[in-house]
C-alpha atoms as a PDB file:
ATOM      1  CA  MET A   1      94.193  84.218  46.574  1.00  0.00           C
ATOM      2  CA  MET A   2      92.253  86.043  49.296  1.00  0.00           C
ATOM      3  CA  GLN A   3      93.518  86.070  52.996  1.00  0.00           C
ATOM      4  CA  SER A   4      91.456  84.775  55.803  1.00  0.00           C
ATOM      5  CA  SER A   5      89.790  87.079  58.074  1.00  0.00           C
ATOM      6  CA  PRO A   6      92.057  88.343  60.899  1.00  0.00           C
ATOM      7  CA  LEU A   7      89.156  87.983  63.222  1.00  0.00           C
ATOM      8  CA  ASN A   8      88.960  84.835  65.117  1.00  0.00           C
ATOM      9  CA  VAL A   9      88.098  83.468  68.618  1.00  0.00           C
ATOM     10  CA  ARG A  10      91.407  84.147  70.088  1.00  0.00           C
ATOM     11  CA  ARG A  11      91.779  87.612  68.743  1.00  0.00           C
ATOM     12  CA  THR A  12      88.142  88.408  69.830  1.00  0.00           C
ATOM     13  CA  VAL A  13      89.077  87.246  73.441  1.00  0.00           C
ATOM     14  CA  ILE A  14      92.198  89.268  73.333  1.00  0.00           C
ATOM     15  CA  TRP A  15      90.487  92.504  72.270  1.00  0.00           C
ATOM     16  CA  LEU A  16      87.572  91.975  74.871  1.00  0.00           C
ATOM     17  CA  GLY A  17      90.165  91.337  77.458  1.00  0.00           C
ATOM     18  CA  ARG A  18      92.255  94.393  76.566  1.00  0.00           C
ATOM     19  CA  LEU A  19      89.199  96.597  76.686  1.00  0.00           C
ATOM     20  CA  LEU A  20      87.530  95.199  79.773  1.00  0.00           C
ATOM     21  CA  ILE A  21      90.571  94.421  82.059  1.00  0.00           C
ATOM     22  CA  GLY A  22      92.480  97.498  80.863  1.00  0.00           C
ATOM     23  CA  GLY A  23      89.383  99.662  81.551  1.00  0.00           C
ATOM     24  CA  ILE A  24      88.713  97.938  84.830  1.00  0.00           C
ATOM     25  CA  PHE A  25      92.261  98.634  86.005  1.00  0.00           C
ATOM     26  CA  VAL A  26      92.252 102.193  85.073  1.00  0.00           C
ATOM     27  CA  TYR A  27      88.849 102.701  86.650  1.00  0.00           C
ATOM     28  CA  ALA A  28      89.862 100.937  89.832  1.00  0.00           C
ATOM     29  CA  GLY A  29      92.980 102.929  90.288  1.00  0.00           C
ATOM     30  CA  TYR A  30      91.283 106.256  89.555  1.00  0.00           C
ATOM     31  CA  ALA A  31      88.389 105.352  91.886  1.00  0.00           C
ATOM     32  CA  LYS A  32      90.756 104.446  94.708  1.00  0.00           C
ATOM     33  CA  LEU A  33      92.444 108.047  94.286  1.00  0.00           C
ATOM     34  CA  VAL A  34      89.314 110.234  93.798  1.00  0.00           C
ATOM     35  CA  TYR A  35      85.948 108.484  94.640  1.00  0.00           C
ATOM     36  CA  PRO A  36      85.613 108.473  98.406  1.00  0.00           C
ATOM     37  CA  ASN A  37      85.467 112.277  98.226  1.00  0.00           C
ATOM     38  CA  HIS A  38      82.897 113.168  95.469  1.00  0.00           C
ATOM     39  CA  ASN A  39      82.758 116.899  96.292  1.00  0.00           C
ATOM     40  CA  LEU A  40      84.316 119.368  93.834  1.00  0.00           C
ATOM     41  CA  TRP A  41      87.198 120.504  95.944  1.00  0.00           C
ATOM     42  CA  PRO A  42      89.381 123.576  94.944  1.00  0.00           C
ATOM     43  CA  TRP A  43      92.447 122.540  93.238  1.00  0.00           C
ATOM     44  CA  PHE A  44      94.672 123.194  96.366  1.00  0.00           C
ATOM     45  CA  MET A  45      92.598 120.756  98.363  1.00  0.00           C
ATOM     46  CA  LEU A  46      92.846 118.072  95.730  1.00  0.00           C
ATOM     47  CA  LYS A  47      96.173 116.871  97.277  1.00  0.00           C
ATOM     48  CA  PHE A  48      94.675 116.412 100.720  1.00  0.00           C
ATOM     49  CA  SER A  49      91.618 114.615  99.145  1.00  0.00           C
ATOM     50  CA  VAL A  50      93.888 112.145  97.410  1.00  0.00           C
ATOM     51  CA  SER A  51      95.833 111.584 100.602  1.00  0.00           C
ATOM     52  CA  ALA A  52      92.651 111.052 102.646  1.00  0.00           C
ATOM     53  CA  ASN A  53      91.470 108.537 100.005  1.00  0.00           C
ATOM     54  CA  LEU A  54      94.817 106.586  99.965  1.00  0.00           C
ATOM     55  CA  SER A  55      94.736 106.518 103.898  1.00  0.00           C
ATOM     56  CA  THR A  56      91.242 105.048 103.663  1.00  0.00           C
ATOM     57  CA  PHE A  57      92.345 102.513 101.196  1.00  0.00           C
ATOM     58  CA  ALA A  58      95.406 101.635 103.404  1.00  0.00           C
ATOM     59  CA  PHE A  59      92.833 100.851 106.128  1.00  0.00           C
ATOM     60  CA  GLN A  60      90.935  98.627 103.751  1.00  0.00           C
ATOM     61  CA  VAL A  61      94.126  96.783 102.721  1.00  0.00           C
ATOM     62  CA  GLU A  62      95.086  96.328 106.467  1.00  0.00           C
ATOM     63  CA  SER A  63      91.586  94.771 107.159  1.00  0.00           C
ATOM     64  CA  TYR A  64      92.600  91.831 105.107  1.00  0.00           C
ATOM     65  CA  LYS A  65      95.105  90.962 107.854  1.00  0.00           C
ATOM     66  CA  VAL A  66      97.880  89.747 105.425  1.00  0.00           C
ATOM     67  CA  VAL A  67     100.400  92.646 105.889  1.00  0.00           C
ATOM     68  CA  GLY A  68     100.962  95.087 108.690  1.00  0.00           C
ATOM     69  CA  SER A  69     100.310  98.695 108.726  1.00  0.00           C
ATOM     70  CA  ASP A  70     103.589  99.652 106.954  1.00  0.00           C
ATOM     71  CA  GLY A  71     102.872  97.033 104.184  1.00  0.00           C
ATOM     72  CA  ALA A  72      99.366  98.128 103.870  1.00  0.00           C
ATOM     73  CA  SER A  73     100.556 101.857 103.388  1.00  0.00           C
ATOM     74  CA  LEU A  74     103.004 100.752 100.804  1.00  0.00           C
ATOM     75  CA  VAL A  75     100.373  98.856  98.918  1.00  0.00           C
ATOM     76  CA  ALA A  76      97.831 101.538  99.202  1.00  0.00           C
ATOM     77  CA  TYR A  77     100.056 104.340  98.048  1.00  0.00           C
ATOM     78  CA  THR A  78     101.399 102.379  94.986  1.00  0.00           C
ATOM     79  CA  LEU A  79      98.611 100.022  93.930  1.00  0.00           C
ATOM     80  CA  PRO A  80      96.246 102.707  92.423  1.00  0.00           C
ATOM     81  CA  PHE A  81      99.060 104.156  90.189  1.00  0.00           C
ATOM     82  CA  VAL A  82     100.215 100.685  89.131  1.00  0.00           C
ATOM     83  CA  GLU A  83      96.656  99.836  88.268  1.00  0.00           C
ATOM     84  CA  ILE A  84      96.188 102.898  86.140  1.00  0.00           C
ATOM     85  CA  VAL A  85      99.536 102.406  84.263  1.00  0.00           C
ATOM     86  CA  LEU A  86      98.969  98.701  83.699  1.00  0.00           C
ATOM     87  CA  GLY A  87      95.458  99.395  82.462  1.00  0.00           C
ATOM     88  CA  LEU A  88      96.732 101.973  79.983  1.00  0.00           C
ATOM     89  CA  LEU A  89      99.524  99.679  78.845  1.00  0.00           C
ATOM     90  CA  LEU A  90      96.759  96.956  78.182  1.00  0.00           C
ATOM     91  CA  LEU A  91      94.655  99.334  76.367  1.00  0.00           C
ATOM     92  CA  ILE A  92      97.491 100.615  74.120  1.00  0.00           C
ATOM     93  CA  GLY A  93      98.847  97.066  73.533  1.00  0.00           C
ATOM     94  CA  TRP A  94     102.532  97.924  73.576  1.00  0.00           C
ATOM     95  CA  GLN A  95     104.471  94.808  74.681  1.00  0.00           C
ATOM     96  CA  PHE A  96     101.046  93.308  75.435  1.00  0.00           C
ATOM     97  CA  ARG A  97     102.177  89.779  76.381  1.00  0.00           C
ATOM     98  CA  ILE A  98     104.234  91.156  79.242  1.00  0.00           C
ATOM     99  CA  TRP A  99     101.478  93.318  80.546  1.00  0.00           C
ATOM    100  CA  ALA A 100      98.785  90.645  80.123  1.00  0.00           C
ATOM    101  CA  THR A 101     100.819  88.233  82.041  1.00  0.00           C
ATOM    102  CA  LEU A 102     101.334  90.720  84.946  1.00  0.00           C
ATOM    103  CA  ALA A 103      97.622  91.615  85.021  1.00  0.00           C
ATOM    104  CA  SER A 104      96.835  87.892  85.043  1.00  0.00           C
ATOM    105  CA  ALA A 105      99.137  87.417  88.145  1.00  0.00           C
ATOM    106  CA  ILE A 106      97.774  90.546  89.895  1.00  0.00           C
ATOM    107  CA  LEU A 107      94.180  89.478  89.318  1.00  0.00           C
ATOM    108  CA  PHE A 108      95.005  85.898  90.602  1.00  0.00           C
ATOM    109  CA  GLY A 109      96.471  87.515  93.737  1.00  0.00           C
ATOM    110  CA  PHE A 110      93.380  89.608  94.224  1.00  0.00           C
ATOM    111  CA  LEU A 111      91.248  86.478  93.785  1.00  0.00           C
ATOM    112  CA  CYS A 112      93.290  84.584  96.418  1.00  0.00           C
ATOM    113  CA  LEU A 113      93.119  87.433  98.904  1.00  0.00           C
ATOM    114  CA  VAL A 114      89.276  88.011  98.419  1.00  0.00           C
ATOM    115  CA  THR A 115      88.667  84.227  98.584  1.00  0.00           C
ATOM    116  CA  ARG A 116      90.633  83.796 101.660  1.00  0.00           C
ATOM    117  CA  ALA A 117      88.781  86.726 103.357  1.00  0.00           C
ATOM    118  CA  TYR A 118      85.450  85.364 102.322  1.00  0.00           C
ATOM    119  CA  LEU A 119      86.193  81.819 103.448  1.00  0.00           C
ATOM    120  CA  LEU A 120      87.366  83.238 106.899  1.00  0.00           C
ATOM    121  CA  HIS A 121      84.040  85.091 107.149  1.00  0.00           C
ATOM    122  CA  MET A 122      85.725  88.391 107.489  1.00  0.00           C
ATOM    123  CA  ASP A 123      83.252  91.283 107.639  1.00  0.00           C
ATOM    124  CA  ILE A 124      85.321  93.808 105.625  1.00  0.00           C
ATOM    125  CA  ASN A 125      85.068  96.099 102.599  1.00  0.00           C
ATOM    126  CA  CYS A 126      86.455  94.810  99.385  1.00  0.00           C
ATOM    127  CA  GLY A 127      88.515  97.956  98.678  1.00  0.00           C
ATOM    128  CA  CYS A 128      88.144  96.987  94.938  1.00  0.00           C
ATOM    129  CA  PHE A 129      86.857 100.361  93.604  1.00  0.00           C
ATOM    130  CA  GLY A 130      87.507 102.828  96.282  1.00  0.00           C
ATOM    131  CA  THR A 131      83.886 103.032  97.595  1.00  0.00           C
ATOM    132  CA  PRO A 132      82.913 100.795 100.606  1.00  0.00           C
ATOM    133  CA  GLU A 133      81.702  97.545  99.058  1.00  0.00           C
ATOM    134  CA  PRO A 134      80.994  94.470 101.315  1.00  0.00           C
ATOM    135  CA  LEU A 135      82.878  91.291 100.552  1.00  0.00           C
ATOM    136  CA  THR A 136      80.273  88.784  99.242  1.00  0.00           C
ATOM    137  CA  ILE A 137      80.254  85.641  97.074  1.00  0.00           C
ATOM    138  CA  MET A 138      79.504  88.021  94.165  1.00  0.00           C
ATOM    139  CA  THR A 139      82.923  89.624  94.667  1.00  0.00           C
ATOM    140  CA  VAL A 140      84.578  86.321  94.598  1.00  0.00           C
ATOM    141  CA  LEU A 141      82.761  85.205  91.445  1.00  0.00           C
ATOM    142  CA  ARG A 142      83.473  88.687  89.761  1.00  0.00           C
ATOM    143  CA  ASP A 143      87.123  88.294  90.567  1.00  0.00           C
ATOM    144  CA  SER A 144      87.079  84.763  89.259  1.00  0.00           C
ATOM    145  CA  ALA A 145      85.532  85.676  85.957  1.00  0.00           C
ATOM    146  CA  LEU A 146      88.257  88.401  85.476  1.00  0.00           C
ATOM    147  CA  VAL A 147      91.062  85.874  86.251  1.00  0.00           C
ATOM    148  CA  VAL A 148      89.633  83.524  83.658  1.00  0.00           C
ATOM    149  CA  LEU A 149      89.335  86.244  81.128  1.00  0.00           C
ATOM    150  CA  ALA A 150      92.877  87.450  81.803  1.00  0.00           C
ATOM    151  CA  VAL A 151      94.440  84.067  81.627  1.00  0.00           C
ATOM    152  CA  LEU A 152      92.636  83.286  78.423  1.00  0.00           C
ATOM    153  CA  MET A 153      93.704  86.670  76.966  1.00  0.00           C
ATOM    154  CA  THR A 154      97.320  85.935  78.059  1.00  0.00           C
ATOM    155  CA  VAL A 155      97.385  82.425  76.661  1.00  0.00           C
ATOM    156  CA  PHE A 156      95.747  83.439  73.473  1.00  0.00           C
ATOM    157  CA  ALA A 157      98.181  86.381  73.051  1.00  0.00           C
ATOM    158  CA  TYR A 158     101.127  83.984  73.274  1.00  0.00           C
ATOM    159  CA  GLN A 159      99.438  81.642  70.714  1.00  0.00           C
ATOM    160  CA  GLU A 160      98.795  84.418  68.331  1.00  0.00           C
ATOM    161  CA  ALA A 161     102.414  85.697  68.563  1.00  0.00           C
ATOM    162  CA  ARG A 162     103.605  82.306  67.174  1.00  0.00           C
ATOM    163  CA  LYS A 163     101.708  82.858  63.920  1.00  0.00           C
ATOM    164  CA  ALA A 164     102.160  85.298  61.111  1.00  0.00           C
ATOM    165  CA  HIS A 165      99.707  88.142  61.116  1.00  0.00           C
ATOM    166  CA  PRO A 166      96.906  87.240  58.505  1.00  0.00           C
ATOM    167  CA  TRP A 167      97.270  90.471  56.691  1.00  0.00           C
ATOM    168  CA  THR A 168     101.016  90.069  56.222  1.00  0.00           C
ATOM    169  CA  ALA A 169     101.084  86.273  55.630  1.00  0.00           C
ATOM    170  CA  VAL A 170     102.357  85.323  52.115  1.00  0.00           C
ATOM    171  CA  ALA A 171     100.089  83.050  50.236  1.00  0.00           C
ATOM    172  CA  ASN A 172     101.621  79.684  49.520  1.00  0.00           C
ATOM    173  CA  SER A 173     100.528  79.487  45.889  1.00  0.00           C
END
């Protein structure tokens, strides 16, 4: 007897989530490291360029008024690398449920911070993708959509892990 197709709504959401959220995390981390300085610096200047970009990002993190300057520096100097690694792990799919859960938690934290800043009418830059981007309702809606996708992806990954894979399932004939 022929097996059913391995493609269903849950697996489609998982694949789309992996590609979109993984790609966005890699891009966001890379952008925080490189984008404020678009110039082609000689290699020996690259170190100073990344350092300047991280200092700018630390200023953006501090503008949310949640952590002090030391906490903002810690976040700014670690978050871009965490985003790149997490994005790559989502794209690769190794130990996927762990990384999907972590991505959902991080995105939910971002959503809480952005929503708080928006509701307090803070006139700050988002800091999401390295370039100065004003914090608007569109930022809140974009983060909300990403959180919904990440949570769906995580829930569906746990549901799919309970079942046998359709290509390896033995027919009950």
